[in-house]
Amino acid sequence: MPTPVPVRPVVFKPRRLRVVGAVVAVALVALTFYGWFALPREIRVLFTVSQLLTLLGFLGVLVLVVLGVAASSVRADADGLRVRNGLRVHRHPWSQVHRIVLRPGDAWAFALLRPADAPDEEFTADLDTQKRFLVGIQAGDGAYAQQAVDELRRRLAAARATGSRAT
């Protein structure tokens, strides 16, 4: 009897990347304010309101980019993968996922994707196979990353065994 695809979703989030992202965001804000107050008062008064708002806007964008990348995640459920890389979200049904890969030297895991119109028996992975980076599974997280990849592979195998062809 085939193993059913686990119904309960599982979410993998990078551990070290989140810590680094928070530290970098705080450091950017702290250094910006330190640099502002390190300027002599006679120079600070030369800035116009629009220049100050531009500098604060630029700081805000930098902090949002750093925190956005740190918020990357991979969610697996009975239907497939939901991959959040930075601010972009991608959904892939199990029928589209060919393989989950995390090789020595890779920064993060990735999924090899099969084209939607390719039948299983005709598809072979080659250099042109589309990849979806799984930034939520960072190799730097060590055993946690390997456990995440193993769980995704187990769910992929279960989806294939039950013939899950969700689109």
N, C-alpha and C. Protein backbone atom coordinates (compact mmCIF):
# COMPACT_ATOMS: atom_id res chain seq x y z
N MET A 1 0.85 -1.18 0.00
CA MET A 1 0.00 0.00 0.00
C MET A 1 0.89 1.23 0.00
N PRO A 2 0.64 2.20 -0.91
CA PRO A 2 1.49 3.39 -0.98
C PRO A 2 1.37 4.25 0.27
N THR A 3 2.49 4.87 0.59
CA THR A 3 2.51 5.79 1.73
C THR A 3 1.79 7.07 1.35
N PRO A 4 0.78 7.48 2.14
CA PRO A 4 0.07 8.71 1.78
C PRO A 4 0.94 9.95 1.98
N VAL A 5 0.67 10.97 1.18
CA VAL A 5 1.39 12.23 1.34
C VAL A 5 0.93 12.84 2.66
N PRO A 6 1.87 13.23 3.53
CA PRO A 6 1.46 13.83 4.80
C PRO A 6 0.59 15.06 4.58
N VAL A 7 -0.53 15.10 5.30
CA VAL A 7 -1.47 16.20 5.15
C VAL A 7 -0.99 17.43 5.89
N ARG A 8 -0.37 17.23 7.02
CA ARG A 8 0.08 18.35 7.84
C ARG A 8 1.24 19.07 7.15
N PRO A 9 1.07 20.38 6.89
CA PRO A 9 2.17 21.11 6.24
C PRO A 9 3.38 21.27 7.16
N VAL A 10 4.52 21.40 6.54
CA VAL A 10 5.76 21.64 7.27
C VAL A 10 6.43 22.86 6.63
N VAL A 11 7.01 23.72 7.47
CA VAL A 11 7.65 24.94 7.00
C VAL A 11 9.10 24.95 7.46
N PHE A 12 9.99 25.23 6.52
CA PHE A 12 11.42 25.33 6.85
C PHE A 12 11.86 26.77 6.64
N LYS A 13 12.52 27.31 7.65
CA LYS A 13 13.01 28.69 7.60
C LYS A 13 14.49 28.68 7.98
N PRO A 14 15.28 29.51 7.33
CA PRO A 14 16.71 29.53 7.65
C PRO A 14 16.95 30.07 9.05
N ARG A 15 17.84 29.45 9.78
CA ARG A 15 18.11 29.89 11.15
C ARG A 15 19.19 30.97 11.17
N ARG A 16 20.35 30.65 10.63
CA ARG A 16 21.45 31.62 10.66
C ARG A 16 21.15 32.86 9.84
N LEU A 17 20.51 32.69 8.71
CA LEU A 17 20.20 33.83 7.85
C LEU A 17 19.28 34.81 8.57
N ARG A 18 18.35 34.31 9.36
CA ARG A 18 17.46 35.20 10.10
C ARG A 18 18.23 35.99 11.16
N VAL A 19 19.16 35.35 11.83
CA VAL A 19 19.97 36.04 12.83
C VAL A 19 20.84 37.10 12.15
N VAL A 20 21.49 36.70 11.06
CA VAL A 20 22.35 37.64 10.33
C VAL A 20 21.53 38.80 9.79
N GLY A 21 20.35 38.53 9.26
CA GLY A 21 19.49 39.58 8.74
C GLY A 21 19.10 40.58 9.80
N ALA A 22 18.73 40.08 10.98
CA ALA A 22 18.35 40.97 12.08
C ALA A 22 19.54 41.82 12.53
N VAL A 23 20.70 41.20 12.64
CA VAL A 23 21.90 41.93 13.07
C VAL A 23 22.27 43.00 12.04
N VAL A 24 22.22 42.66 10.76
CA VAL A 24 22.56 43.62 9.72
C VAL A 24 21.56 44.78 9.70
N ALA A 25 20.27 44.48 9.86
CA ALA A 25 19.26 45.54 9.86
C ALA A 25 19.47 46.50 11.04
N VAL A 26 19.70 45.95 12.21
CA VAL A 26 19.95 46.79 13.39
C VAL A 26 21.23 47.60 13.20
N ALA A 27 22.27 46.96 12.66
CA ALA A 27 23.54 47.66 12.45
C ALA A 27 23.38 48.79 11.44
N LEU A 28 22.62 48.58 10.37
CA LEU A 28 22.39 49.64 9.39
C LEU A 28 21.72 50.85 10.02
N VAL A 29 20.69 50.58 10.82
CA VAL A 29 19.97 51.69 11.47
C VAL A 29 20.89 52.39 12.47
N ALA A 30 21.60 51.61 13.30
CA ALA A 30 22.47 52.20 14.31
C ALA A 30 23.59 53.02 13.69
N LEU A 31 24.23 52.48 12.65
CA LEU A 31 25.33 53.21 12.00
C LEU A 31 24.83 54.46 11.28
N THR A 32 23.63 54.38 10.74
CA THR A 32 23.08 55.57 10.08
C THR A 32 22.87 56.69 11.10
N PHE A 33 22.26 56.37 12.22
CA PHE A 33 22.03 57.40 13.23
C PHE A 33 23.33 57.86 13.88
N TYR A 34 24.27 56.94 14.06
CA TYR A 34 25.57 57.33 14.60
C TYR A 34 26.26 58.30 13.64
N GLY A 35 26.22 57.96 12.34
CA GLY A 35 26.83 58.84 11.34
C GLY A 35 26.17 60.20 11.28
N TRP A 36 24.85 60.23 11.46
CA TRP A 36 24.13 61.50 11.43
C TRP A 36 24.55 62.39 12.60
N PHE A 37 24.57 61.81 13.79
CA PHE A 37 24.91 62.61 14.96
C PHE A 37 26.41 62.86 15.10
N ALA A 38 27.23 62.14 14.33
CA ALA A 38 28.67 62.40 14.32
C ALA A 38 29.00 63.62 13.46
N LEU A 39 28.08 63.98 12.57
CA LEU A 39 28.29 65.18 11.76
C LEU A 39 28.19 66.42 12.65
N PRO A 40 29.00 67.41 12.38
CA PRO A 40 28.86 68.66 13.14
C PRO A 40 27.48 69.27 12.90
N ARG A 41 26.97 69.96 13.91
CA ARG A 41 25.63 70.56 13.84
C ARG A 41 25.50 71.51 12.64
N GLU A 42 26.55 72.26 12.35
CA GLU A 42 26.48 73.21 11.23
C GLU A 42 26.34 72.53 9.87
N ILE A 43 26.74 71.27 9.78
CA ILE A 43 26.55 70.52 8.53
C ILE A 43 25.15 69.90 8.50
N ARG A 44 24.69 69.40 9.64
CA ARG A 44 23.36 68.78 9.69
C ARG A 44 22.26 69.77 9.31
N VAL A 45 22.40 71.04 9.68
CA VAL A 45 21.35 72.02 9.37
C VAL A 45 21.29 72.35 7.88
N LEU A 46 22.31 71.99 7.13
CA LEU A 46 22.32 72.25 5.69
C LEU A 46 21.41 71.28 4.92
N PHE A 47 21.05 70.15 5.52
CA PHE A 47 20.19 69.17 4.85
C PHE A 47 18.75 69.68 4.80
N THR A 48 18.13 69.53 3.64
CA THR A 48 16.72 69.91 3.51
C THR A 48 15.85 68.73 3.94
N VAL A 49 14.57 69.00 4.13
CA VAL A 49 13.64 67.95 4.53
C VAL A 49 13.58 66.85 3.46
N SER A 50 13.56 67.25 2.20
CA SER A 50 13.50 66.24 1.14
C SER A 50 14.77 65.38 1.10
N GLN A 51 15.92 65.96 1.40
CA GLN A 51 17.16 65.18 1.45
C GLN A 51 17.13 64.20 2.62
N LEU A 52 16.64 64.65 3.77
CA LEU A 52 16.52 63.75 4.92
C LEU A 52 15.55 62.61 4.63
N LEU A 53 14.41 62.93 4.01
CA LEU A 53 13.44 61.89 3.67
C LEU A 53 14.01 60.91 2.65
N THR A 54 14.81 61.39 1.72
CA THR A 54 15.46 60.51 0.75
C THR A 54 16.42 59.55 1.44
N LEU A 55 17.24 60.08 2.35
CA LEU A 55 18.18 59.23 3.09
C LEU A 55 17.44 58.20 3.94
N LEU A 56 16.38 58.63 4.63
CA LEU A 56 15.60 57.69 5.44
C LEU A 56 14.89 56.65 4.57
N GLY A 57 14.41 57.07 3.40
CA GLY A 57 13.78 56.13 2.47
C GLY A 57 14.76 55.10 1.97
N PHE A 58 15.98 55.55 1.65
CA PHE A 58 17.01 54.62 1.21
C PHE A 58 17.35 53.63 2.32
N LEU A 59 17.46 54.10 3.54
CA LEU A 59 17.71 53.22 4.69
C LEU A 59 16.57 52.22 4.83
N GLY A 60 15.34 52.70 4.70
CA GLY A 60 14.19 51.81 4.81
C GLY A 60 14.19 50.72 3.77
N VAL A 61 14.54 51.07 2.53
CA VAL A 61 14.60 50.08 1.46
C VAL A 61 15.68 49.04 1.75
N LEU A 62 16.85 49.48 2.20
CA LEU A 62 17.93 48.53 2.53
C LEU A 62 17.49 47.56 3.63
N VAL A 63 16.87 48.10 4.67
CA VAL A 63 16.42 47.25 5.78
C VAL A 63 15.35 46.27 5.29
N LEU A 64 14.41 46.72 4.46
CA LEU A 64 13.37 45.83 3.95
C LEU A 64 13.94 44.72 3.07
N VAL A 65 14.94 45.03 2.27
CA VAL A 65 15.57 44.01 1.43
C VAL A 65 16.26 42.96 2.29
N VAL A 66 17.01 43.41 3.28
CA VAL A 66 17.71 42.47 4.17
C VAL A 66 16.71 41.59 4.91
N LEU A 67 15.67 42.19 5.47
CA LEU A 67 14.67 41.41 6.21
C LEU A 67 13.84 40.53 5.27
N GLY A 68 13.61 41.00 4.05
CA GLY A 68 12.88 40.19 3.09
C GLY A 68 13.61 38.91 2.73
N VAL A 69 14.91 39.01 2.50
CA VAL A 69 15.71 37.82 2.20
C VAL A 69 15.76 36.90 3.42
N ALA A 70 15.86 37.48 4.61
CA ALA A 70 15.90 36.67 5.83
C ALA A 70 14.58 35.97 6.09
N ALA A 71 13.50 36.46 5.51
CA ALA A 71 12.17 35.86 5.71
C ALA A 71 11.88 34.73 4.72
N SER A 72 12.86 34.30 3.96
CA SER A 72 12.65 33.22 3.00
C SER A 72 12.21 31.95 3.71
N SER A 73 11.41 31.14 3.03
CA SER A 73 10.92 29.90 3.64
C SER A 73 10.51 28.91 2.55
N VAL A 74 10.36 27.66 2.97
CA VAL A 74 9.86 26.60 2.10
C VAL A 74 8.76 25.89 2.86
N ARG A 75 7.57 25.81 2.25
CA ARG A 75 6.43 25.14 2.87
C ARG A 75 6.03 23.98 2.00
N ALA A 76 5.91 22.81 2.61
CA ALA A 76 5.48 21.62 1.88
C ALA A 76 4.18 21.12 2.50
N ASP A 77 3.22 20.81 1.63
CA ASP A 77 1.97 20.23 2.10
C ASP A 77 1.55 19.15 1.10
N ALA A 78 0.34 18.68 1.21
CA ALA A 78 -0.12 17.59 0.35
C ALA A 78 -0.17 18.00 -1.12
N ASP A 79 -0.32 19.29 -1.40
CA ASP A 79 -0.42 19.76 -2.78
C ASP A 79 0.92 20.00 -3.45
N GLY A 80 1.96 20.34 -2.68
CA GLY A 80 3.26 20.62 -3.27
C GLY A 80 4.09 21.57 -2.44
N LEU A 81 4.92 22.33 -3.11
CA LEU A 81 5.83 23.27 -2.45
C LEU A 81 5.37 24.70 -2.64
N ARG A 82 5.53 25.48 -1.59
CA ARG A 82 5.35 26.94 -1.66
C ARG A 82 6.71 27.50 -1.24
N VAL A 83 7.39 28.16 -2.17
CA VAL A 83 8.74 28.65 -1.93
C VAL A 83 8.70 30.17 -1.87
N ARG A 84 9.18 30.71 -0.76
CA ARG A 84 9.29 32.16 -0.63
C ARG A 84 10.78 32.50 -0.62
N ASN A 85 11.23 33.15 -1.68
CA ASN A 85 12.61 33.62 -1.79
C ASN A 85 12.57 35.14 -1.78
N GLY A 86 12.92 35.72 -0.66
CA GLY A 86 12.82 37.16 -0.54
C GLY A 86 11.36 37.56 -0.55
N LEU A 87 10.98 38.42 -1.48
CA LEU A 87 9.60 38.89 -1.55
C LEU A 87 8.78 38.11 -2.58
N ARG A 88 9.39 37.22 -3.34
CA ARG A 88 8.68 36.45 -4.37
C ARG A 88 8.22 35.11 -3.81
N VAL A 89 7.03 34.72 -4.18
CA VAL A 89 6.46 33.44 -3.76
C VAL A 89 6.18 32.61 -5.00
N HIS A 90 6.61 31.35 -4.97
CA HIS A 90 6.40 30.42 -6.09
C HIS A 90 5.70 29.19 -5.54
N ARG A 91 4.75 28.66 -6.31
CA ARG A 91 4.04 27.44 -5.93
C ARG A 91 4.30 26.38 -7.00
N HIS A 92 4.64 25.19 -6.54
CA HIS A 92 4.91 24.08 -7.46
C HIS A 92 4.21 22.83 -6.93
N PRO A 93 3.31 22.26 -7.71
CA PRO A 93 2.70 21.00 -7.30
C PRO A 93 3.75 19.89 -7.32
N TRP A 94 3.51 18.84 -6.56
CA TRP A 94 4.48 17.74 -6.51
C TRP A 94 4.73 17.16 -7.91
N SER A 95 3.73 17.20 -8.77
CA SER A 95 3.90 16.65 -10.11
C SER A 95 4.93 17.42 -10.93
N GLN A 96 5.22 18.64 -10.54
CA GLN A 96 6.20 19.46 -11.26
C GLN A 96 7.61 19.31 -10.68
N VAL A 97 7.71 18.81 -9.45
CA VAL A 97 9.01 18.68 -8.78
C VAL A 97 9.65 17.37 -9.19
N HIS A 98 10.83 17.46 -9.79
CA HIS A 98 11.55 16.25 -10.21
C HIS A 98 12.44 15.73 -9.07
N ARG A 99 13.14 16.65 -8.42
CA ARG A 99 14.12 16.23 -7.42
C ARG A 99 14.46 17.40 -6.51
N ILE A 100 14.79 17.11 -5.24
CA ILE A 100 15.28 18.11 -4.29
C ILE A 100 16.77 17.85 -4.10
N VAL A 101 17.58 18.89 -4.24
CA VAL A 101 19.04 18.71 -4.24
C VAL A 101 19.70 19.65 -3.24
N LEU A 102 20.64 19.12 -2.48
CA LEU A 102 21.54 19.92 -1.63
C LEU A 102 22.89 19.21 -1.67
N ARG A 103 23.80 19.72 -2.50
CA ARG A 103 25.11 19.11 -2.67
C ARG A 103 26.13 19.80 -1.77
N PRO A 104 27.21 19.12 -1.47
CA PRO A 104 28.29 19.79 -0.72
C PRO A 104 28.77 21.00 -1.52
N GLY A 105 28.90 22.13 -0.86
CA GLY A 105 29.35 23.35 -1.52
C GLY A 105 28.22 24.26 -1.97
N ASP A 106 26.99 23.75 -2.03
CA ASP A 106 25.85 24.59 -2.38
C ASP A 106 25.51 25.49 -1.21
N ALA A 107 25.11 26.73 -1.50
CA ALA A 107 24.73 27.66 -0.43
C ALA A 107 23.35 27.31 0.12
N TRP A 108 22.47 26.82 -0.72
CA TRP A 108 21.13 26.43 -0.30
C TRP A 108 20.64 25.31 -1.20
N ALA A 109 19.55 24.69 -0.79
CA ALA A 109 18.96 23.61 -1.57
C ALA A 109 18.26 24.19 -2.79
N PHE A 110 17.95 23.32 -3.75
CA PHE A 110 17.15 23.74 -4.88
C PHE A 110 16.30 22.56 -5.36
N ALA A 111 15.24 22.90 -6.06
CA ALA A 111 14.35 21.90 -6.63
C ALA A 111 14.53 21.91 -8.14
N LEU A 112 14.71 20.73 -8.71
CA LEU A 112 14.71 20.59 -10.16
C LEU A 112 13.26 20.41 -10.57
N LEU A 113 12.81 21.23 -11.53
CA LEU A 113 11.41 21.22 -11.93
C LEU A 113 11.25 20.64 -13.33
N ARG A 114 10.22 19.87 -13.50
CA ARG A 114 9.91 19.33 -14.82
C ARG A 114 8.91 20.27 -15.49
N PRO A 115 8.96 20.40 -16.80
CA PRO A 115 7.98 21.24 -17.49
C PRO A 115 6.58 20.68 -17.28
N ALA A 116 5.59 21.55 -17.24
CA ALA A 116 4.21 21.12 -16.99
C ALA A 116 3.70 20.19 -18.09
N ASP A 117 4.21 20.34 -19.31
CA ASP A 117 3.71 19.54 -20.43
C ASP A 117 4.53 18.28 -20.71
N ALA A 118 5.50 17.96 -19.84
CA ALA A 118 6.35 16.78 -20.08
C ALA A 118 5.81 15.57 -19.32
N PRO A 119 5.45 14.50 -20.03
CA PRO A 119 5.04 13.28 -19.34
C PRO A 119 6.20 12.69 -18.54
N ASP A 120 5.89 12.00 -17.46
CA ASP A 120 6.93 11.45 -16.58
C ASP A 120 7.93 10.57 -17.32
N GLU A 121 7.43 9.72 -18.19
CA GLU A 121 8.34 8.77 -18.83
C GLU A 121 9.25 9.42 -19.87
N GLU A 122 8.91 10.63 -20.33
CA GLU A 122 9.75 11.30 -21.33
C GLU A 122 10.71 12.32 -20.73
N PHE A 123 10.56 12.64 -19.45
CA PHE A 123 11.37 13.70 -18.85
C PHE A 123 12.70 13.14 -18.35
N THR A 124 13.79 13.81 -18.74
CA THR A 124 15.10 13.53 -18.18
C THR A 124 15.73 14.86 -17.79
N ALA A 125 16.30 14.91 -16.61
CA ALA A 125 16.94 16.13 -16.15
C ALA A 125 18.23 16.34 -16.93
N ASP A 126 18.43 17.55 -17.42
CA ASP A 126 19.66 17.90 -18.12
C ASP A 126 20.05 19.33 -17.75
N LEU A 127 20.97 19.90 -18.46
CA LEU A 127 21.45 21.24 -18.14
C LEU A 127 20.38 22.31 -18.30
N ASP A 128 19.36 22.04 -19.09
CA ASP A 128 18.30 23.01 -19.32
C ASP A 128 17.15 22.89 -18.32
N THR A 129 17.23 21.97 -17.41
CA THR A 129 16.16 21.78 -16.43
C THR A 129 16.04 23.02 -15.57
N GLN A 130 14.80 23.47 -15.39
CA GLN A 130 14.57 24.66 -14.57
C GLN A 130 14.84 24.34 -13.10
N LYS A 131 15.47 25.29 -12.40
CA LYS A 131 15.77 25.14 -10.99
C LYS A 131 14.99 26.20 -10.21
N ARG A 132 14.56 25.85 -9.04
CA ARG A 132 13.97 26.82 -8.12
C ARG A 132 14.81 26.75 -6.84
N PHE A 133 15.52 27.82 -6.56
CA PHE A 133 16.35 27.85 -5.36
C PHE A 133 15.46 27.88 -4.13
N LEU A 134 15.82 27.11 -3.14
CA LEU A 134 15.09 27.03 -1.89
C LEU A 134 15.91 27.77 -0.83
N VAL A 135 15.86 29.10 -0.87
CA VAL A 135 16.68 29.94 0.00
C VAL A 135 16.32 29.70 1.47
N GLY A 136 15.13 29.20 1.73
CA GLY A 136 14.73 28.90 3.11
C GLY A 136 15.47 27.72 3.71
N ILE A 137 16.19 26.96 2.89
CA ILE A 137 16.99 25.83 3.39
C ILE A 137 18.44 26.14 3.09
N GLN A 138 19.12 26.74 4.05
CA GLN A 138 20.51 27.17 3.91
C GLN A 138 21.46 26.06 4.33
N ALA A 139 22.45 25.77 3.51
CA ALA A 139 23.44 24.74 3.84
C ALA A 139 24.18 25.08 5.13
N GLY A 140 24.32 26.36 5.42
CA GLY A 140 25.01 26.78 6.65
C GLY A 140 24.30 26.36 7.92
N ASP A 141 23.04 25.94 7.82
CA ASP A 141 22.30 25.47 8.99
C ASP A 141 22.61 24.01 9.31
N GLY A 142 23.50 23.39 8.54
CA GLY A 142 24.00 22.06 8.83
C GLY A 142 22.96 20.96 8.86
N ALA A 143 22.85 20.28 10.00
CA ALA A 143 21.96 19.13 10.14
C ALA A 143 20.50 19.52 9.91
N TYR A 144 20.12 20.71 10.33
CA TYR A 144 18.74 21.19 10.11
C TYR A 144 18.43 21.23 8.62
N ALA A 145 19.36 21.72 7.82
CA ALA A 145 19.15 21.79 6.37
C ALA A 145 19.05 20.40 5.77
N GLN A 146 19.89 19.48 6.21
CA GLN A 146 19.83 18.12 5.69
C GLN A 146 18.53 17.43 6.08
N GLN A 147 18.05 17.67 7.30
CA GLN A 147 16.76 17.11 7.72
C GLN A 147 15.63 17.67 6.88
N ALA A 148 15.70 18.97 6.56
CA ALA A 148 14.67 19.59 5.73
C ALA A 148 14.65 18.96 4.34
N VAL A 149 15.81 18.77 3.74
CA VAL A 149 15.90 18.17 2.42
C VAL A 149 15.39 16.73 2.47
N ASP A 150 15.76 15.99 3.50
CA ASP A 150 15.30 14.60 3.63
C ASP A 150 13.77 14.55 3.75
N GLU A 151 13.19 15.47 4.50
CA GLU A 151 11.73 15.50 4.65
C GLU A 151 11.06 15.85 3.32
N LEU A 152 11.61 16.80 2.57
CA LEU A 152 11.04 17.14 1.27
C LEU A 152 11.15 15.97 0.30
N ARG A 153 12.26 15.26 0.34
CA ARG A 153 12.42 14.09 -0.53
C ARG A 153 11.41 13.01 -0.15
N ARG A 154 11.18 12.82 1.15
CA ARG A 154 10.22 11.82 1.61
C ARG A 154 8.82 12.18 1.13
N ARG A 155 8.46 13.46 1.23
CA ARG A 155 7.13 13.90 0.78
C ARG A 155 7.00 13.79 -0.74
N LEU A 156 8.06 14.06 -1.46
CA LEU A 156 8.03 13.91 -2.91
C LEU A 156 7.82 12.45 -3.28
N ALA A 157 8.53 11.55 -2.62
CA ALA A 157 8.38 10.13 -2.89
C ALA A 157 6.96 9.66 -2.55
N ALA A 158 6.40 10.14 -1.46
CA ALA A 158 5.03 9.77 -1.07
C ALA A 158 4.03 10.30 -2.10
N ALA A 159 4.25 11.50 -2.60
CA ALA A 159 3.36 12.07 -3.62
C ALA A 159 3.41 11.25 -4.90
N ARG A 160 4.59 10.81 -5.27
CA ARG A 160 4.72 9.98 -6.48
C ARG A 160 4.06 8.63 -6.28
N ALA A 161 4.23 8.07 -5.09
CA ALA A 161 3.66 6.75 -4.82
C ALA A 161 2.14 6.76 -4.85
N THR A 162 1.54 7.85 -4.45
CA THR A 162 0.07 7.94 -4.44
C THR A 162 -0.45 8.51 -5.74
N GLY A 163 0.46 8.89 -6.64
CA GLY A 163 0.03 9.44 -7.91
C GLY A 163 -0.53 10.84 -7.80
N SER A 164 -0.05 11.58 -6.80
CA SER A 164 -0.53 12.96 -6.61
C SER A 164 -0.16 13.79 -7.81
N ARG A 165 -1.16 14.24 -8.56
CA ARG A 165 -0.93 15.04 -9.76
C ARG A 165 -1.62 16.38 -9.64
N ALA A 166 -1.59 16.95 -8.44
CA ALA A 166 -2.24 18.24 -8.23
C ALA A 166 -1.60 19.29 -9.13
N THR A 167 -2.41 20.15 -9.67
CA THR A 167 -1.88 21.21 -10.53
C THR A 167 -2.24 22.56 -10.01
